[in-house]
Amino acid sequence: MLRKHRGAIGKIYLVAGLSLLLLTGSFYLFGFKPLSDRLHFEHAFEMEHFLHSNLWLIQSVINKHYDLSRQSASRTAIRKKQAAYLRGEVSREELVAFSVPKLGDALRANDDIAGIARFDPAGKLLFNVGQQLPEGIAERCVLAKLEAIRMLSPTQIGDKRRLLYCTPIVDRDGRRVGADILIMKEDAIQQIIDDPQGYDNTVITAGVASDGSIIYWPGKQNELPARGVLENFIKTGATQGGYLIISKEMKNNGWLLYTVVNEELFFADINRQLMLLLSVIVGVAILLFVLTMVVLQPIIRTLLKEQQLFEQSHRDGLTGLYNHTYMQELLDRELSRAQRHKRPLSILMFDLDHFKHINDTYGHLAGDDMLQNIARVVQRSARKEDMAARYGVEEFMLILPETDKEEASIMAERLRSDVASTRIATDAGELGITISIGVVSYDSYGSEITKRNIIRTADKAMYISKNGGRNRVTVVDLPA
């Protein structure tokens, strides 16, 4: 009897041990790991935001420089006087006396401009205002053949680095009358690179490279290991272990903006919190298992039943898609997340064309078959993160997180094509149907928008598709 009891106890310990491992493993695989991945994924958005924020700021500075270059070259009075000089109607001295004070006013009005040099159509210097150009710069611009604004790499002029913009000057008839070289200060760009946006530069660092060399780097952080990592990446394309490098090419000049991330430091806080959470989960799992070992099976059955009830309360009974009520919650959640993280969000609303005709002609069972099959097509066409819901009787909605207007339009067209090419088996035989789709996208850099406005705009777009002949996609912008 004792031996028998010992065997039973052994089996209990064995089952208890296996259950403990299973419970802990379940917490890890289905709770901790997805949470960890999600936190890392969302944390990684900060890297993208850091990169795109710097890109936008630097691009704004360069765009301003281009505008100043165009303004300088397009000054009508100076351009006319220079044309008169080229025709021999005024002397060079008269041109200089007339032009220098006016360009000097432009220099004083814009702190970014350090100097302006004006040239004739052949590339010969006519006069300078402000900081003087070093020799050889004009040859780099190839002024005689210059057709558009050309930006040169940062150039050392005296004890300062400057940005140079070579700008052709043409009259109203398109004839070349000369060229400007603007000497621009680079302080604004360097300040952007120096600003880590709340981070430590040892954690995340911005740099700009051109022609295989780093041209902008945090001024007080030249000895950072991240610089060597970036230089090696530019040279070999290989990323050193423990670092992450993302980049984006800038417009107009071919510069590459880099973000160098020390992954260990960048993710240190969430990794530490996740390990603490994992320890708590394991401890709580053991404690709960000991306390509930006898009633484990009833609890599991209860949880399964609750899960089933949850699904039943959130799913449409006919199509298996989310129901209208839960769709409202999902849209609230996704819109809030898009606004919080400055990310795009798109909505597809579509309606089955002539669905009433199918019900009236073939019966409601055929209509039910049609709705079920369309739901399956939607689920096949949608991505894992997309959320499909039955909005009305024959109306559906597809919520597309992290999707801008162009991507949503492609998705909508693919869905429309998939439905149009599908033959659906019903009791009345194989039938086909088309859908009319309305697309609306929330731009994270736009104004705040409400869920009601999004639904109303998507509905409007859908009805434009229906009134425009059906079986089509209409994209409508959100109201300002």
Protein backbone atom coordinates (compact mmCIF):
# COMPACT_ATOMS: atom_id res chain seq x y z
CA MET A 1 0.00 0.00 0.00
CA LEU A 2 2.84 2.38 0.90
CA ARG A 3 4.56 1.58 -2.36
CA LYS A 4 1.29 2.20 -4.17
CA HIS A 5 0.83 5.55 -2.47
CA ARG A 6 4.42 6.47 -3.24
CA GLY A 7 3.78 5.74 -6.89
CA ALA A 8 0.67 7.91 -6.89
CA ILE A 9 2.55 10.71 -5.13
CA GLY A 10 5.34 10.40 -7.69
CA LYS A 11 2.85 10.76 -10.47
CA ILE A 12 1.39 13.84 -8.78
CA TYR A 13 4.86 15.38 -8.47
CA LEU A 14 5.58 14.51 -12.09
CA VAL A 15 2.32 16.03 -13.29
CA ALA A 16 2.92 19.04 -11.05
CA GLY A 17 6.41 19.55 -12.42
CA LEU A 18 5.32 19.19 -16.04
CA SER A 19 2.38 21.50 -15.43
CA LEU A 20 4.68 24.07 -13.84
CA LEU A 21 6.99 23.95 -16.85
CA LEU A 22 4.04 24.21 -19.21
CA LEU A 23 2.55 27.12 -17.31
CA THR A 24 5.84 28.99 -17.18
CA GLY A 25 6.49 28.25 -20.84
CA SER A 26 3.01 29.44 -21.75
CA PHE A 27 3.55 32.71 -19.90
CA TYR A 28 6.82 33.17 -21.77
CA LEU A 29 5.66 32.23 -25.27
CA PHE A 30 2.19 33.77 -25.25
CA GLY A 31 2.58 36.58 -22.76
CA PHE A 32 6.09 37.70 -22.03
CA LYS A 33 7.65 37.24 -25.47
CA PRO A 34 4.87 39.00 -27.44
CA LEU A 35 4.95 41.80 -24.87
CA SER A 36 8.73 42.01 -25.17
CA ASP A 37 8.55 42.05 -28.97
CA ARG A 38 5.83 44.67 -28.88
CA LEU A 39 7.72 46.92 -26.48
CA HIS A 40 10.88 46.60 -28.55
CA PHE A 41 8.89 47.23 -31.72
CA GLU A 42 7.23 50.36 -30.35
CA HIS A 43 10.47 51.53 -28.77
CA ALA A 44 12.10 51.17 -32.18
CA PHE A 45 9.63 53.74 -33.53
CA GLU A 46 11.61 56.28 -31.56
CA MET A 47 14.64 55.53 -33.74
CA GLU A 48 12.60 56.18 -36.87
CA HIS A 49 11.15 59.32 -35.33
CA PHE A 50 14.64 60.52 -34.37
CA LEU A 51 15.86 59.94 -37.94
CA HIS A 52 12.87 61.50 -39.68
CA SER A 53 12.76 64.43 -37.27
CA ASN A 54 16.41 65.27 -37.98
CA LEU A 55 15.86 64.70 -41.70
CA TRP A 56 12.93 67.10 -41.75
CA LEU A 57 14.80 69.76 -39.77
CA ILE A 58 17.95 69.58 -41.91
CA GLN A 59 15.93 69.48 -45.11
CA SER A 60 14.08 72.59 -43.95
CA VAL A 61 17.39 74.41 -43.47
CA ILE A 62 18.61 73.39 -46.93
CA ASN A 63 15.27 74.32 -48.52
CA LYS A 64 15.56 77.73 -46.89
CA HIS A 65 19.06 78.07 -48.38
CA TYR A 66 17.70 77.19 -51.81
CA ASP A 67 14.96 79.80 -51.42
CA LEU A 68 17.51 82.43 -50.46
CA SER A 69 19.62 81.46 -53.48
CA ARG A 70 16.65 81.87 -55.80
CA GLN A 71 15.68 85.17 -54.19
CA SER A 72 19.18 86.55 -54.59
CA ALA A 73 19.39 85.49 -58.23
CA SER A 74 15.91 86.77 -59.10
CA ARG A 75 16.27 90.37 -57.90
CA THR A 76 14.83 92.16 -60.92
CA ALA A 77 16.56 95.52 -60.65
CA ILE A 78 20.04 94.00 -60.25
CA ARG A 79 19.37 91.49 -63.03
CA LYS A 80 18.29 94.25 -65.41
CA LYS A 81 21.33 96.35 -64.55
CA GLN A 82 23.58 93.32 -65.16
CA ALA A 83 21.89 92.70 -68.54
CA ALA A 84 22.52 96.35 -69.41
CA TYR A 85 26.19 95.89 -68.43
CA LEU A 86 26.47 92.87 -70.72
CA ARG A 87 25.02 94.94 -73.58
CA GLY A 88 27.63 97.64 -72.88
CA GLU A 89 25.09 100.20 -71.76
CA VAL A 90 26.60 100.68 -68.26
CA SER A 91 30.11 100.25 -66.93
CA ARG A 92 31.22 97.65 -64.43
CA GLU A 93 31.73 100.39 -61.87
CA GLU A 94 28.12 101.54 -62.31
CA LEU A 95 26.91 97.93 -62.01
CA VAL A 96 28.89 97.42 -58.81
CA ALA A 97 27.79 100.74 -57.31
CA PHE A 98 24.16 99.87 -58.02
CA SER A 99 24.19 96.19 -57.02
CA VAL A 100 26.45 95.94 -53.96
CA PRO A 101 24.24 98.03 -51.61
CA LYS A 102 21.14 96.07 -52.57
CA LEU A 103 22.80 92.69 -52.06
CA GLY A 104 24.29 94.06 -48.86
CA ASP A 105 20.74 94.67 -47.62
CA ALA A 106 19.92 91.02 -48.36
CA LEU A 107 23.01 89.99 -46.43
CA ARG A 108 22.02 91.98 -43.39
CA ALA A 109 18.42 90.77 -43.55
CA ASN A 110 19.38 87.08 -43.40
CA ASP A 111 21.75 85.85 -40.73
CA ASP A 112 22.25 82.59 -42.64
CA ILE A 113 24.01 84.35 -45.53
CA ALA A 114 27.71 85.00 -44.98
CA GLY A 115 28.51 86.30 -48.45
CA ILE A 116 27.39 86.66 -52.08
CA ALA A 117 29.60 86.56 -55.17
CA ARG A 118 28.17 87.67 -58.55
CA PHE A 119 29.62 86.39 -61.85
CA ASP A 120 29.07 87.11 -65.54
CA PRO A 121 27.82 84.38 -67.94
CA ALA A 122 31.37 83.22 -68.63
CA GLY A 123 32.07 82.68 -64.94
CA LYS A 124 34.15 85.82 -64.40
CA LEU A 125 33.78 87.46 -60.98
CA LEU A 126 32.02 90.82 -61.08
CA PHE A 127 31.87 91.67 -57.36
CA ASN A 128 31.66 90.23 -53.81
CA VAL A 129 29.45 91.16 -50.89
CA GLY A 130 30.29 89.95 -47.38
CA GLN A 131 32.71 87.05 -46.92
CA GLN A 132 35.08 86.54 -49.83
CA LEU A 133 35.25 83.32 -51.85
CA PRO A 134 38.56 81.46 -51.85
CA GLU A 135 40.16 80.80 -55.20
CA GLY A 136 39.03 77.80 -57.20
CA ILE A 137 35.44 77.66 -55.92
CA ALA A 138 33.94 79.05 -59.11
CA GLU A 139 35.59 76.26 -61.13
CA ARG A 140 33.83 73.66 -58.93
CA CYS A 141 30.49 75.18 -59.84
CA VAL A 142 31.20 75.17 -63.61
CA LEU A 143 29.28 78.45 -63.80
CA ALA A 144 29.36 78.77 -67.58
CA LYS A 145 27.30 75.57 -67.93
CA LEU A 146 25.21 75.86 -64.75
CA GLU A 147 21.54 75.07 -65.43
CA ALA A 148 20.14 74.72 -61.91
CA ILE A 149 21.09 75.45 -58.30
CA ARG A 150 24.04 73.29 -57.30
CA MET A 151 25.01 72.73 -53.69
CA LEU A 152 28.65 72.07 -52.87
CA SER A 153 29.92 70.03 -49.92
CA PRO A 154 30.91 71.99 -46.80
CA THR A 155 34.00 74.07 -47.59
CA GLN A 156 36.51 75.61 -45.22
CA ILE A 157 36.58 79.39 -45.66
CA GLY A 158 38.87 81.06 -43.20
CA ASP A 159 38.28 79.53 -39.78
CA LYS A 160 34.70 78.50 -40.60
CA ARG A 161 33.07 75.83 -42.70
CA ARG A 162 30.47 77.13 -45.10
CA LEU A 163 27.88 75.75 -47.49
CA LEU A 164 28.06 77.07 -51.04
CA TYR A 165 25.13 77.34 -53.45
CA CYS A 166 25.82 78.02 -57.12
CA THR A 167 22.77 79.61 -58.79
CA PRO A 168 22.28 80.51 -62.47
CA ILE A 169 20.72 83.91 -63.28
CA VAL A 170 18.48 84.21 -66.32
CA ASP A 171 16.29 87.05 -67.55
CA ARG A 172 12.58 86.79 -68.26
CA ASP A 173 13.33 85.54 -71.79
CA GLY A 174 15.45 82.69 -70.48
CA ARG A 175 18.79 84.22 -71.48
CA ARG A 176 21.72 83.66 -69.12
CA VAL A 177 22.98 86.89 -67.58
CA GLY A 178 25.28 85.45 -64.92
CA ALA A 179 25.45 83.40 -61.74
CA ASP A 180 25.59 83.76 -57.97
CA ILE A 181 27.53 81.80 -55.39
CA LEU A 182 25.96 82.18 -51.96
CA ILE A 183 28.11 81.49 -48.91
CA MET A 184 25.76 80.11 -46.26
CA LYS A 185 26.41 79.44 -42.60
CA GLU A 186 26.08 75.80 -41.51
CA ASP A 187 25.41 76.55 -37.84
CA ALA A 188 21.72 75.56 -38.04
CA ILE A 189 22.57 72.12 -39.43
CA GLN A 190 25.28 71.52 -36.84
CA GLN A 191 22.88 72.49 -34.05
CA ILE A 192 20.41 69.87 -35.28
CA ILE A 193 23.11 67.19 -35.29
CA ASP A 194 24.29 68.27 -31.83
CA ASP A 195 20.77 67.98 -30.37
CA PRO A 196 20.07 64.37 -29.25
CA GLN A 197 16.35 65.16 -28.70
CA GLY A 198 16.35 64.13 -25.06
CA TYR A 199 18.77 61.21 -25.48
CA ASP A 200 22.39 60.85 -24.52
CA ASN A 201 24.64 60.93 -27.58
CA THR A 202 26.25 57.73 -26.34
CA VAL A 203 22.86 56.02 -26.84
CA ILE A 204 21.67 57.44 -30.16
CA THR A 205 23.71 59.63 -32.45
CA ALA A 206 22.99 61.46 -35.71
CA GLY A 207 25.51 62.02 -38.49
CA VAL A 208 25.56 63.17 -42.11
CA ALA A 209 27.81 61.67 -44.78
CA SER A 210 28.58 62.63 -48.36
CA ASP A 211 30.80 60.89 -50.89
CA GLY A 212 31.81 58.25 -48.34
CA SER A 213 32.89 60.71 -45.62
CA ILE A 214 31.20 62.01 -42.48
CA ILE A 215 30.61 65.75 -42.90
CA TYR A 216 28.44 66.41 -39.84
CA TRP A 217 28.80 64.79 -36.42
CA PRO A 218 28.00 65.98 -32.88
CA GLY A 219 30.67 68.61 -32.34
CA LYS A 220 31.67 67.56 -28.80
CA GLN A 221 31.44 63.82 -29.43
CA ASN A 222 34.18 63.12 -31.97
CA GLU A 223 35.60 60.33 -29.80
CA LEU A 224 32.34 58.42 -29.51
CA PRO A 225 32.71 54.73 -30.51
CA ALA A 226 29.65 55.27 -32.68
CA ARG A 227 31.74 57.38 -35.07
CA GLY A 228 34.11 54.51 -35.75
CA VAL A 229 31.12 52.19 -36.18
CA LEU A 230 29.59 54.54 -38.76
CA GLU A 231 32.87 55.05 -40.62
CA ASN A 232 33.34 51.29 -40.85
CA PHE A 233 29.73 50.88 -42.04
CA ILE A 234 30.20 53.51 -44.76
CA LYS A 235 33.41 51.86 -45.88
CA THR A 236 32.42 48.16 -45.72
CA GLY A 237 28.63 48.06 -45.31
CA ALA A 238 29.06 45.93 -42.15
CA THR A 239 27.46 46.91 -38.84
CA GLN A 240 29.42 46.26 -35.66
CA GLY A 241 27.71 43.98 -33.13
CA GLY A 242 25.68 45.84 -30.55
CA TYR A 243 24.89 48.75 -32.87
CA LEU A 244 22.03 49.49 -35.21
CA ILE A 245 22.35 51.91 -38.12
CA ILE A 246 19.45 53.34 -40.11
CA SER A 247 19.75 55.95 -42.83
CA LYS A 248 17.78 58.13 -45.20
CA GLU A 249 18.89 59.98 -48.33
CA MET A 250 18.22 63.69 -48.45
CA LYS A 251 16.77 65.55 -51.40
CA ASN A 252 18.73 67.87 -53.70
CA ASN A 253 22.22 67.03 -52.49
CA GLY A 254 22.54 63.23 -52.17
CA TRP A 255 23.60 63.46 -48.52
CA LEU A 256 22.86 60.48 -46.30
CA LEU A 257 21.51 61.10 -42.80
CA TYR A 258 22.43 58.30 -40.37
CA THR A 259 21.16 57.32 -36.94
CA VAL A 260 23.61 55.15 -34.99
CA VAL A 261 22.00 53.35 -32.04
CA ASN A 262 23.79 51.58 -29.20
CA GLU A 263 21.23 48.79 -28.83
CA GLU A 264 22.39 47.70 -25.38
CA LEU A 265 21.96 51.19 -23.95
CA PHE A 266 18.90 52.06 -26.03
CA PHE A 267 16.92 49.03 -24.85
CA ALA A 268 18.49 48.82 -21.37
CA ASP A 269 15.49 50.22 -19.50
CA ILE A 270 12.85 48.02 -21.09
CA ASN A 271 15.12 44.95 -20.95
CA ARG A 272 15.61 45.49 -17.22
CA GLN A 273 11.89 45.93 -16.68
CA LEU A 274 11.10 42.88 -18.79
CA MET A 275 13.52 40.70 -16.83
CA LEU A 276 11.93 41.88 -13.59
CA LEU A 277 8.52 41.11 -15.08
CA LEU A 278 9.70 37.66 -16.15
CA SER A 279 10.95 36.93 -12.64
CA VAL A 280 7.64 38.02 -11.17
CA ILE A 281 5.73 35.90 -13.68
CA VAL A 282 7.73 32.78 -12.84
CA GLY A 283 7.33 33.33 -9.09
CA VAL A 284 3.63 34.05 -9.34
CA ALA A 285 3.14 31.07 -11.68
CA ILE A 286 4.72 28.72 -9.14
CA LEU A 287 2.68 30.16 -6.28
CA LEU A 288 -0.57 30.03 -8.21
CA PHE A 289 0.13 26.50 -9.36
CA VAL A 290 0.74 25.27 -5.80
CA LEU A 291 -2.43 26.96 -4.56
CA THR A 292 -4.65 25.86 -7.44
CA MET A 293 -3.19 22.46 -8.40
CA VAL A 294 -6.29 20.56 -7.27
CA VAL A 295 -8.71 22.79 -9.19
CA LEU A 296 -6.50 23.39 -12.24
CA GLN A 297 -8.71 21.57 -14.71
CA PRO A 298 -11.95 23.35 -13.75
CA ILE A 299 -10.17 26.68 -14.00
CA ILE A 300 -8.88 25.82 -17.47
CA ARG A 301 -12.36 24.83 -18.56
CA THR A 302 -13.74 28.06 -17.17
CA LEU A 303 -11.10 30.13 -18.95
CA LEU A 304 -11.81 28.38 -22.24
CA LYS A 305 -15.50 29.05 -21.83
CA GLU A 306 -14.81 32.72 -21.09
CA GLN A 307 -12.62 32.93 -24.18
CA GLN A 308 -15.39 31.42 -26.25
CA LEU A 309 -17.89 33.90 -24.82
CA PHE A 310 -15.47 36.74 -25.54
CA GLU A 311 -15.18 35.67 -29.17
CA GLN A 312 -18.94 35.27 -29.47
CA SER A 313 -19.54 38.76 -28.10
CA HIS A 314 -17.01 40.36 -30.46
CA ARG A 315 -17.61 38.41 -33.66
CA ASP A 316 -20.37 38.57 -36.22
CA GLY A 317 -22.22 35.26 -36.15
CA LEU A 318 -22.55 34.91 -39.93
CA THR A 319 -19.19 36.06 -41.30
CA GLY A 320 -16.86 35.47 -38.35
CA LEU A 321 -15.50 39.02 -38.72
CA TYR A 322 -15.57 41.53 -35.88
CA ASN A 323 -19.02 42.93 -35.21
CA HIS A 324 -20.05 46.57 -35.43
CA THR A 325 -19.75 47.25 -31.68
CA TYR A 326 -16.23 45.87 -31.37
CA MET A 327 -15.22 47.61 -34.59
CA GLN A 328 -16.01 50.93 -32.89
CA GLU A 329 -13.68 50.00 -30.00
CA LEU A 330 -10.93 48.91 -32.40
CA LEU A 331 -11.16 52.15 -34.37
CA ASP A 332 -11.03 54.20 -31.17
CA ARG A 333 -7.93 52.31 -30.09
CA GLU A 334 -6.10 52.49 -33.41
CA LEU A 335 -6.88 56.18 -33.95
CA SER A 336 -5.63 56.98 -30.45
CA ARG A 337 -2.43 55.00 -31.09
CA ALA A 338 -1.89 56.66 -34.48
CA GLN A 339 -2.29 60.13 -32.95
CA ARG A 340 -0.10 59.28 -29.96
CA HIS A 341 2.78 57.82 -31.98
CA LYS A 342 2.38 60.09 -35.02
CA ARG A 343 1.76 57.15 -37.37
CA PRO A 344 -0.56 56.80 -40.37
CA LEU A 345 -3.88 54.93 -40.25
CA SER A 346 -6.21 54.04 -43.13
CA ILE A 347 -9.80 52.85 -43.32
CA LEU A 348 -11.45 50.89 -46.13
CA MET A 349 -15.24 50.85 -46.20
CA PHE A 350 -16.92 48.81 -48.90
CA ASP A 351 -20.36 47.66 -49.90
CA LEU A 352 -21.51 44.68 -51.99
CA ASP A 353 -22.89 45.94 -55.29
CA HIS A 354 -26.50 44.97 -56.06
CA PHE A 355 -26.70 42.75 -52.98
CA LYS A 356 -30.44 43.35 -52.68
CA HIS A 357 -30.87 41.98 -56.18
CA ILE A 358 -29.14 38.73 -55.12
CA ASN A 359 -31.40 38.36 -52.09
CA ASP A 360 -34.50 39.14 -54.14
CA THR A 361 -33.51 36.90 -57.05
CA TYR A 362 -31.78 33.92 -55.46
CA GLY A 363 -32.98 34.09 -51.87
CA HIS A 364 -31.47 35.08 -48.54
CA LEU A 365 -29.55 31.81 -48.18
CA ALA A 366 -27.63 32.68 -51.34
CA GLY A 367 -27.06 36.14 -49.85
CA ASP A 368 -25.70 34.54 -46.67
CA ASP A 369 -23.35 32.35 -48.74
CA MET A 370 -22.22 35.50 -50.54
CA LEU A 371 -21.49 37.36 -47.28
CA GLN A 372 -19.56 34.41 -45.81
CA ASN A 373 -17.41 34.00 -48.90
CA ILE A 374 -16.70 37.71 -49.18
CA ALA A 375 -15.57 37.64 -45.53
CA ARG A 376 -13.13 34.84 -46.38
CA VAL A 377 -11.76 36.82 -49.33
CA VAL A 378 -11.27 39.83 -47.05
CA GLN A 379 -9.40 37.72 -44.47
CA ARG A 380 -7.13 36.28 -47.17
CA SER A 381 -6.37 39.71 -48.62
CA ALA A 382 -5.82 41.46 -45.29
CA ARG A 383 -2.52 41.52 -43.45
CA LYS A 384 -2.07 40.00 -40.03
CA GLU A 385 -2.30 43.36 -38.29
CA ASP A 386 -5.37 44.54 -40.25
CA MET A 387 -8.82 44.32 -38.63
CA ALA A 388 -11.90 43.40 -40.65
CA ALA A 389 -15.45 43.99 -39.41
CA ARG A 390 -18.98 43.68 -40.68
CA TYR A 391 -20.29 47.23 -40.49
CA GLY A 392 -23.86 46.73 -41.72
CA VAL A 393 -25.93 44.18 -43.62
CA GLU A 394 -23.72 44.18 -46.72
CA GLU A 395 -21.19 46.80 -45.62
CA PHE A 396 -17.72 45.96 -44.32
CA MET A 397 -14.84 47.90 -42.83
CA LEU A 398 -11.12 47.16 -42.89
CA ILE A 399 -8.88 49.02 -40.42
CA LEU A 400 -5.27 49.30 -41.67
CA PRO A 401 -2.76 50.40 -38.99
CA GLU A 402 0.60 51.84 -40.10
CA THR A 403 -0.75 52.34 -43.62
CA ASP A 404 -0.63 55.58 -45.59
CA LYS A 405 -2.92 56.66 -48.43
CA GLU A 406 -0.82 55.16 -51.23
CA GLU A 407 -0.49 51.78 -49.51
CA ALA A 408 -4.20 51.77 -48.64
CA SER A 409 -5.11 52.50 -52.27
CA ILE A 410 -3.03 49.53 -53.42
CA MET A 411 -4.63 47.31 -50.78
CA ALA A 412 -8.12 48.46 -51.78
CA GLU A 413 -7.50 47.82 -55.46
CA ARG A 414 -6.15 44.34 -54.71
CA LEU A 415 -9.21 43.55 -52.58
CA ARG A 416 -11.57 44.86 -55.25
CA SER A 417 -9.85 42.72 -57.88
CA ASP A 418 -9.87 39.60 -55.65
CA VAL A 419 -13.61 39.92 -55.02
CA ALA A 420 -14.41 40.64 -58.67
CA SER A 421 -12.52 37.51 -59.79
CA THR A 422 -14.13 35.21 -57.19
CA ARG A 423 -16.95 32.84 -58.12
CA ILE A 424 -19.08 31.93 -55.10
CA ALA A 425 -20.88 28.61 -54.82
CA THR A 426 -24.47 28.94 -53.61
CA ASP A 427 -27.59 26.79 -53.74
CA ALA A 428 -28.54 28.81 -56.80
CA GLY A 429 -25.24 28.01 -58.54
CA GLU A 430 -22.00 29.93 -58.90
CA LEU A 431 -22.44 33.67 -58.60
CA GLY A 432 -20.14 36.62 -58.88
CA ILE A 433 -20.28 40.02 -57.23
CA THR A 434 -18.31 43.26 -57.07
CA ILE A 435 -17.67 45.76 -54.33
CA SER A 436 -17.44 49.55 -54.18
CA ILE A 437 -14.69 50.76 -51.87
CA GLY A 438 -14.05 54.07 -50.15
CA VAL A 439 -10.60 54.83 -48.76
CA VAL A 440 -9.65 57.46 -46.19
CA SER A 441 -6.29 57.91 -44.48
CA TYR A 442 -5.29 59.72 -41.30
CA ASP A 443 -1.99 61.58 -41.78
CA SER A 444 -0.12 61.63 -38.48
CA TYR A 445 1.31 65.07 -39.26
CA GLY A 446 -2.11 66.55 -39.96
CA SER A 447 -4.66 68.01 -37.57
CA GLU A 448 -6.46 66.01 -34.93
CA ILE A 449 -9.43 64.12 -36.33
CA THR A 450 -12.31 62.22 -34.75
CA LYS A 451 -13.53 58.71 -35.36
CA ARG A 452 -16.86 60.10 -36.51
CA ASN A 453 -15.18 62.21 -39.19
CA ILE A 454 -13.16 59.22 -40.42
CA ILE A 455 -16.24 56.99 -40.75
CA ARG A 456 -18.27 59.76 -42.39
CA THR A 457 -15.49 60.45 -44.92
CA ALA A 458 -14.97 56.74 -45.70
CA ASP A 459 -18.73 56.34 -46.17
CA LYS A 460 -18.76 59.33 -48.49
CA ALA A 461 -15.92 57.84 -50.55
CA MET A 462 -17.74 54.51 -50.77
CA TYR A 463 -20.88 56.17 -52.09
CA ILE A 464 -18.84 58.09 -54.64
CA SER A 465 -17.63 54.69 -55.90
CA LYS A 466 -21.19 53.38 -56.02
CA ASN A 467 -22.56 56.44 -57.76
CA GLY A 468 -19.61 56.42 -60.15
CA GLY A 469 -20.48 53.03 -61.60
CA ARG A 470 -19.59 50.58 -58.78
CA ASN A 471 -16.73 48.05 -58.76
CA ARG A 472 -14.20 50.78 -58.13
CA VAL A 473 -12.05 52.44 -55.48
CA THR A 474 -12.39 56.06 -54.40
CA VAL A 475 -9.85 57.80 -52.18
CA VAL A 476 -11.04 60.88 -50.28
CA ASP A 477 -8.88 63.12 -48.10
CA LEU A 478 -9.99 63.94 -44.59
CA PRO A 479 -11.39 67.45 -44.14
CA ALA A 480 -8.94 69.99 -42.74
